[in-house]
N, C-alpha and C. Protein backbone atom coordinates (compact mmCIF):
# COMPACT_ATOMS: atom_id res chain seq x y z
N UNK A 1 82.74 95.13 145.91
CA UNK A 1 83.64 96.25 145.85
C UNK A 1 82.87 97.51 146.26
N UNK A 2 83.45 98.26 147.18
CA UNK A 2 82.84 99.52 147.61
C UNK A 2 83.28 100.62 146.65
N UNK A 3 82.30 101.33 146.09
CA UNK A 3 82.57 102.42 145.15
C UNK A 3 81.74 103.62 145.58
N UNK A 4 82.38 104.79 145.52
CA UNK A 4 81.68 106.05 145.78
C UNK A 4 81.80 106.93 144.55
N UNK A 5 80.71 107.61 144.23
CA UNK A 5 80.73 108.55 143.13
C UNK A 5 80.27 109.91 143.66
N UNK A 6 81.07 110.93 143.40
CA UNK A 6 80.70 112.30 143.73
C UNK A 6 79.92 112.80 142.54
N UNK A 7 78.62 112.88 142.71
CA UNK A 7 77.66 112.91 141.62
C UNK A 7 76.84 114.20 141.60
N UNK A 8 76.59 114.66 140.38
CA UNK A 8 75.65 115.75 140.14
C UNK A 8 74.66 115.20 139.12
N UNK A 9 73.42 114.94 139.51
CA UNK A 9 72.46 114.33 138.59
C UNK A 9 72.14 115.20 137.37
N UNK A 10 72.47 116.47 137.41
CA UNK A 10 72.22 117.35 136.26
C UNK A 10 73.35 117.27 135.23
N UNK A 11 74.44 116.60 135.56
CA UNK A 11 75.61 116.50 134.68
C UNK A 11 75.54 115.22 133.85
N UNK A 12 75.61 115.35 132.53
CA UNK A 12 75.51 114.17 131.67
C UNK A 12 76.68 113.22 131.87
N UNK A 13 77.88 113.74 132.11
CA UNK A 13 79.05 112.87 132.33
C UNK A 13 78.89 112.08 133.63
N UNK A 14 78.36 112.73 134.64
CA UNK A 14 78.13 112.08 135.92
C UNK A 14 77.06 110.99 135.78
N UNK A 15 75.98 111.30 135.08
CA UNK A 15 74.93 110.30 134.86
C UNK A 15 75.47 109.11 134.06
N UNK A 16 76.32 109.38 133.07
CA UNK A 16 76.88 108.30 132.25
C UNK A 16 77.82 107.41 133.07
N UNK A 17 78.62 108.01 133.93
CA UNK A 17 79.52 107.22 134.78
C UNK A 17 78.71 106.35 135.74
N UNK A 18 77.66 106.91 136.31
CA UNK A 18 76.80 106.13 137.20
C UNK A 18 76.15 104.98 136.44
N UNK A 19 75.70 105.23 135.23
CA UNK A 19 75.10 104.17 134.42
C UNK A 19 76.11 103.06 134.12
N UNK A 20 77.35 103.42 133.83
CA UNK A 20 78.38 102.41 133.57
C UNK A 20 78.60 101.53 134.80
N UNK A 21 78.61 102.14 135.97
CA UNK A 21 78.77 101.36 137.20
C UNK A 21 77.61 100.39 137.36
N UNK A 22 76.42 100.88 137.19
CA UNK A 22 75.23 100.05 137.37
C UNK A 22 75.14 98.95 136.32
N UNK A 23 75.58 99.22 135.09
CA UNK A 23 75.60 98.19 134.04
C UNK A 23 76.51 97.03 134.44
N UNK A 24 77.49 97.30 135.27
CA UNK A 24 78.42 96.27 135.73
C UNK A 24 78.02 95.68 137.07
N UNK A 25 76.79 95.97 137.48
CA UNK A 25 76.26 95.39 138.71
C UNK A 25 76.75 96.07 139.98
N UNK A 26 77.27 97.26 139.87
CA UNK A 26 77.78 97.98 141.03
C UNK A 26 76.81 99.10 141.38
N UNK A 27 76.31 99.06 142.60
CA UNK A 27 75.47 100.15 143.09
C UNK A 27 76.35 100.97 144.04
N UNK A 28 76.88 102.08 143.55
CA UNK A 28 77.82 102.85 144.36
C UNK A 28 77.13 103.66 145.44
N UNK A 29 77.93 104.06 146.41
CA UNK A 29 77.49 105.09 147.35
C UNK A 29 77.49 106.39 146.56
N UNK A 30 76.38 107.06 146.53
CA UNK A 30 76.26 108.30 145.76
C UNK A 30 76.36 109.48 146.71
N UNK A 31 77.36 110.31 146.46
CA UNK A 31 77.55 111.51 147.26
C UNK A 31 77.11 112.69 146.39
N UNK A 32 76.00 113.29 146.76
CA UNK A 32 75.52 114.49 146.06
C UNK A 32 76.33 115.66 146.59
N UNK A 33 77.47 115.90 145.97
CA UNK A 33 78.45 116.82 146.52
C UNK A 33 77.98 118.27 146.55
N UNK A 34 76.95 118.62 145.79
CA UNK A 34 76.42 119.98 145.89
C UNK A 34 75.67 120.17 147.21
N UNK A 35 75.06 119.09 147.69
CA UNK A 35 74.34 119.13 148.97
C UNK A 35 75.26 118.82 150.14
N UNK A 36 76.20 117.92 149.92
CA UNK A 36 77.13 117.49 150.96
C UNK A 36 78.55 117.54 150.40
N UNK A 37 79.14 118.73 150.33
CA UNK A 37 80.49 118.82 149.74
C UNK A 37 81.52 118.12 150.62
N UNK A 38 82.55 117.58 150.00
CA UNK A 38 83.62 116.98 150.81
C UNK A 38 84.32 118.07 151.61
N UNK A 39 84.88 117.66 152.74
CA UNK A 39 85.69 118.59 153.52
C UNK A 39 86.99 118.85 152.76
N UNK A 40 87.70 119.85 153.19
CA UNK A 40 88.99 120.15 152.56
C UNK A 40 89.94 118.97 152.70
N UNK A 41 89.96 118.36 153.87
CA UNK A 41 90.85 117.20 154.09
C UNK A 41 90.45 116.03 153.20
N UNK A 42 89.16 115.78 153.08
CA UNK A 42 88.71 114.67 152.23
C UNK A 42 89.02 114.95 150.77
N UNK A 43 88.79 116.18 150.35
CA UNK A 43 89.09 116.55 148.96
C UNK A 43 90.58 116.39 148.68
N UNK A 44 91.41 116.84 149.60
CA UNK A 44 92.87 116.69 149.44
C UNK A 44 93.24 115.21 149.31
N UNK A 45 92.65 114.36 150.16
CA UNK A 45 92.94 112.91 150.12
C UNK A 45 92.51 112.31 148.79
N UNK A 46 91.32 112.65 148.32
CA UNK A 46 90.84 112.13 147.05
C UNK A 46 91.75 112.54 145.90
N UNK A 47 92.14 113.80 145.86
CA UNK A 47 92.99 114.28 144.78
C UNK A 47 94.37 113.64 144.82
N UNK A 48 94.91 113.45 146.02
CA UNK A 48 96.20 112.78 146.14
C UNK A 48 96.11 111.35 145.61
N UNK A 49 95.04 110.64 145.97
CA UNK A 49 94.85 109.27 145.47
C UNK A 49 94.70 109.24 143.96
N UNK A 50 94.09 110.28 143.39
CA UNK A 50 93.88 110.34 141.95
C UNK A 50 95.11 110.86 141.21
N UNK A 51 96.08 111.40 141.96
CA UNK A 51 97.26 111.98 141.32
C UNK A 51 96.93 113.28 140.60
N UNK A 52 95.95 114.01 141.12
CA UNK A 52 95.50 115.25 140.48
C UNK A 52 95.81 116.45 141.37
N UNK A 53 96.08 117.55 140.74
CA UNK A 53 96.23 118.81 141.48
C UNK A 53 94.84 119.40 141.69
N UNK A 54 94.67 120.23 142.69
CA UNK A 54 93.37 120.89 142.86
C UNK A 54 92.94 121.64 141.61
N UNK A 55 93.88 122.24 140.93
CA UNK A 55 93.56 123.01 139.72
C UNK A 55 92.91 122.13 138.65
N UNK A 56 93.25 120.84 138.62
CA UNK A 56 92.74 119.92 137.61
C UNK A 56 91.25 119.64 137.75
N UNK A 57 90.68 119.94 138.91
CA UNK A 57 89.26 119.64 139.11
C UNK A 57 88.40 120.89 139.24
N UNK A 58 88.97 122.04 138.88
CA UNK A 58 88.19 123.28 138.91
C UNK A 58 87.57 123.51 137.55
N UNK A 59 86.30 123.79 137.55
CA UNK A 59 85.61 124.17 136.31
C UNK A 59 85.97 125.63 136.05
N UNK A 60 87.06 125.83 135.31
CA UNK A 60 87.64 127.17 135.14
C UNK A 60 86.65 128.16 134.55
N UNK A 61 85.88 127.73 133.58
CA UNK A 61 84.92 128.64 132.95
C UNK A 61 83.90 129.13 133.98
N UNK A 62 83.42 128.22 134.82
CA UNK A 62 82.45 128.61 135.85
C UNK A 62 83.10 129.51 136.89
N UNK A 63 84.36 129.25 137.21
CA UNK A 63 85.08 130.12 138.16
C UNK A 63 85.22 131.52 137.59
N UNK A 64 85.58 131.60 136.32
CA UNK A 64 85.72 132.92 135.69
C UNK A 64 84.39 133.66 135.65
N UNK A 65 83.29 132.92 135.50
CA UNK A 65 81.97 133.55 135.51
C UNK A 65 81.69 134.19 136.86
N UNK A 66 82.35 133.69 137.91
CA UNK A 66 82.20 134.28 139.24
C UNK A 66 83.26 135.36 139.49
N UNK A 67 84.05 135.67 138.46
CA UNK A 67 85.09 136.68 138.61
C UNK A 67 86.37 136.16 139.22
N UNK A 68 86.55 134.84 139.22
CA UNK A 68 87.75 134.23 139.79
C UNK A 68 88.64 133.70 138.69
N UNK A 69 89.94 133.81 138.89
CA UNK A 69 90.91 133.26 137.95
C UNK A 69 91.70 132.18 138.66
N UNK A 70 91.36 130.90 138.45
CA UNK A 70 92.04 129.81 139.14
C UNK A 70 93.55 129.80 138.93
N UNK A 71 94.02 130.33 137.82
CA UNK A 71 95.47 130.31 137.55
C UNK A 71 96.24 131.20 138.52
N UNK A 72 95.55 132.10 139.21
CA UNK A 72 96.22 132.99 140.17
C UNK A 72 96.13 132.48 141.60
N UNK A 73 95.47 131.35 141.80
CA UNK A 73 95.26 130.82 143.15
C UNK A 73 96.22 129.70 143.47
N UNK A 74 96.61 129.59 144.73
CA UNK A 74 97.43 128.47 145.19
C UNK A 74 96.55 127.23 145.33
N UNK A 75 97.19 126.08 145.49
CA UNK A 75 96.43 124.84 145.69
C UNK A 75 95.54 124.95 146.92
N UNK A 76 96.05 125.52 148.00
CA UNK A 76 95.25 125.66 149.22
C UNK A 76 94.05 126.58 148.99
N UNK A 77 94.25 127.65 148.25
CA UNK A 77 93.14 128.56 147.94
C UNK A 77 92.10 127.87 147.07
N UNK A 78 92.56 127.04 146.15
CA UNK A 78 91.62 126.30 145.29
C UNK A 78 90.83 125.30 146.11
N UNK A 79 91.48 124.59 147.02
CA UNK A 79 90.75 123.66 147.88
C UNK A 79 89.69 124.40 148.69
N UNK A 80 90.06 125.55 149.26
CA UNK A 80 89.09 126.35 150.00
C UNK A 80 87.93 126.76 149.11
N UNK A 81 88.24 127.15 147.89
CA UNK A 81 87.21 127.56 146.93
C UNK A 81 86.26 126.41 146.62
N UNK A 82 86.81 125.23 146.39
CA UNK A 82 85.97 124.07 146.05
C UNK A 82 85.06 123.66 147.20
N UNK A 83 85.54 123.81 148.42
CA UNK A 83 84.70 123.50 149.58
C UNK A 83 83.60 124.55 149.72
N UNK A 84 83.94 125.80 149.48
CA UNK A 84 82.99 126.90 149.59
C UNK A 84 81.99 126.93 148.43
N UNK A 85 82.47 126.59 147.22
CA UNK A 85 81.66 126.64 146.00
C UNK A 85 81.72 125.29 145.29
N UNK A 86 81.06 124.26 145.82
CA UNK A 86 81.19 122.92 145.24
C UNK A 86 80.73 122.82 143.79
N UNK A 87 79.94 123.76 143.32
CA UNK A 87 79.51 123.72 141.91
C UNK A 87 80.69 123.92 140.96
N UNK A 88 81.83 124.39 141.49
CA UNK A 88 83.01 124.60 140.65
C UNK A 88 83.84 123.32 140.51
N UNK A 89 83.38 122.26 141.14
CA UNK A 89 84.08 120.98 141.16
C UNK A 89 83.78 120.21 139.88
N UNK A 90 84.82 119.82 139.16
CA UNK A 90 84.65 119.00 137.95
C UNK A 90 84.18 117.63 138.37
N UNK A 91 83.25 117.08 137.63
CA UNK A 91 82.68 115.80 138.03
C UNK A 91 82.58 114.87 136.85
N UNK A 92 82.37 113.60 137.18
CA UNK A 92 82.28 112.97 138.49
C UNK A 92 83.64 112.45 138.95
N UNK A 93 83.80 112.41 140.23
CA UNK A 93 84.98 111.80 140.84
C UNK A 93 84.50 110.46 141.38
N UNK A 94 85.21 109.39 141.06
CA UNK A 94 84.80 108.05 141.47
C UNK A 94 85.93 107.40 142.24
N UNK A 95 85.59 106.84 143.40
CA UNK A 95 86.58 106.23 144.28
C UNK A 95 86.23 104.77 144.56
N UNK A 96 87.25 103.93 144.52
CA UNK A 96 87.13 102.54 144.98
C UNK A 96 88.43 102.20 145.70
N UNK A 97 88.53 100.98 146.20
CA UNK A 97 89.78 100.60 146.85
C UNK A 97 90.95 100.56 145.85
N UNK A 98 90.65 100.50 144.56
CA UNK A 98 91.69 100.49 143.54
C UNK A 98 92.22 101.87 143.19
N UNK A 99 91.50 102.93 143.59
CA UNK A 99 91.96 104.28 143.29
C UNK A 99 90.82 105.26 143.12
N UNK A 100 91.19 106.42 142.61
CA UNK A 100 90.24 107.50 142.37
C UNK A 100 90.48 108.03 140.97
N UNK A 101 89.40 108.28 140.22
CA UNK A 101 89.53 108.88 138.90
C UNK A 101 88.52 110.00 138.74
N UNK A 102 88.92 110.98 137.95
CA UNK A 102 87.99 111.96 137.44
C UNK A 102 87.44 111.33 136.16
N UNK A 103 86.20 110.91 136.20
CA UNK A 103 85.63 110.09 135.12
C UNK A 103 85.15 110.96 133.95
N UNK A 104 86.09 111.60 133.32
CA UNK A 104 85.87 112.40 132.12
C UNK A 104 86.91 111.95 131.12
N UNK A 105 86.55 111.17 130.14
CA UNK A 105 85.21 110.69 129.81
C UNK A 105 84.72 109.65 130.82
N UNK A 106 83.43 109.39 130.83
CA UNK A 106 82.86 108.48 131.82
C UNK A 106 83.50 107.08 131.84
N UNK A 107 84.02 106.64 130.72
CA UNK A 107 84.65 105.31 130.64
C UNK A 107 85.87 105.18 131.56
N UNK A 108 86.41 106.29 132.01
CA UNK A 108 87.55 106.24 132.94
C UNK A 108 87.18 105.56 134.24
N UNK A 109 85.88 105.49 134.55
CA UNK A 109 85.44 104.82 135.76
C UNK A 109 85.91 103.36 135.77
N UNK A 110 86.06 102.77 134.60
CA UNK A 110 86.48 101.36 134.49
C UNK A 110 87.88 101.16 135.06
N UNK A 111 88.69 102.20 135.12
CA UNK A 111 90.06 102.09 135.64
C UNK A 111 90.11 101.73 137.11
N UNK A 112 89.04 102.02 137.84
CA UNK A 112 89.06 101.74 139.29
C UNK A 112 88.14 100.58 139.68
N UNK A 113 87.71 99.81 138.68
CA UNK A 113 86.86 98.64 138.97
C UNK A 113 87.69 97.37 139.01
């Protein structure tokens, strides 16, 4: 099974989701999204597959720390923001042929295995 994880090694939830995958014998493709952020089109596709709105994956507290209020932004503006500022992206996002989940809590990764 092909699995991709949009991973931040400094995030405990992301590390836990990766560990759960590896415990099950799955070595996922690891996308270090801070270094290689998804394009707007890819992000839109992932969120549609996950059934999530762009607002659902914004780290609102971190956005507010930058002086941004996600509640005042449209979905398109949020997608632009996430591409421009990938650190505002809630993680980890895990994709397989079975679907996409925001693995918070990390055990949600099991839903797409």
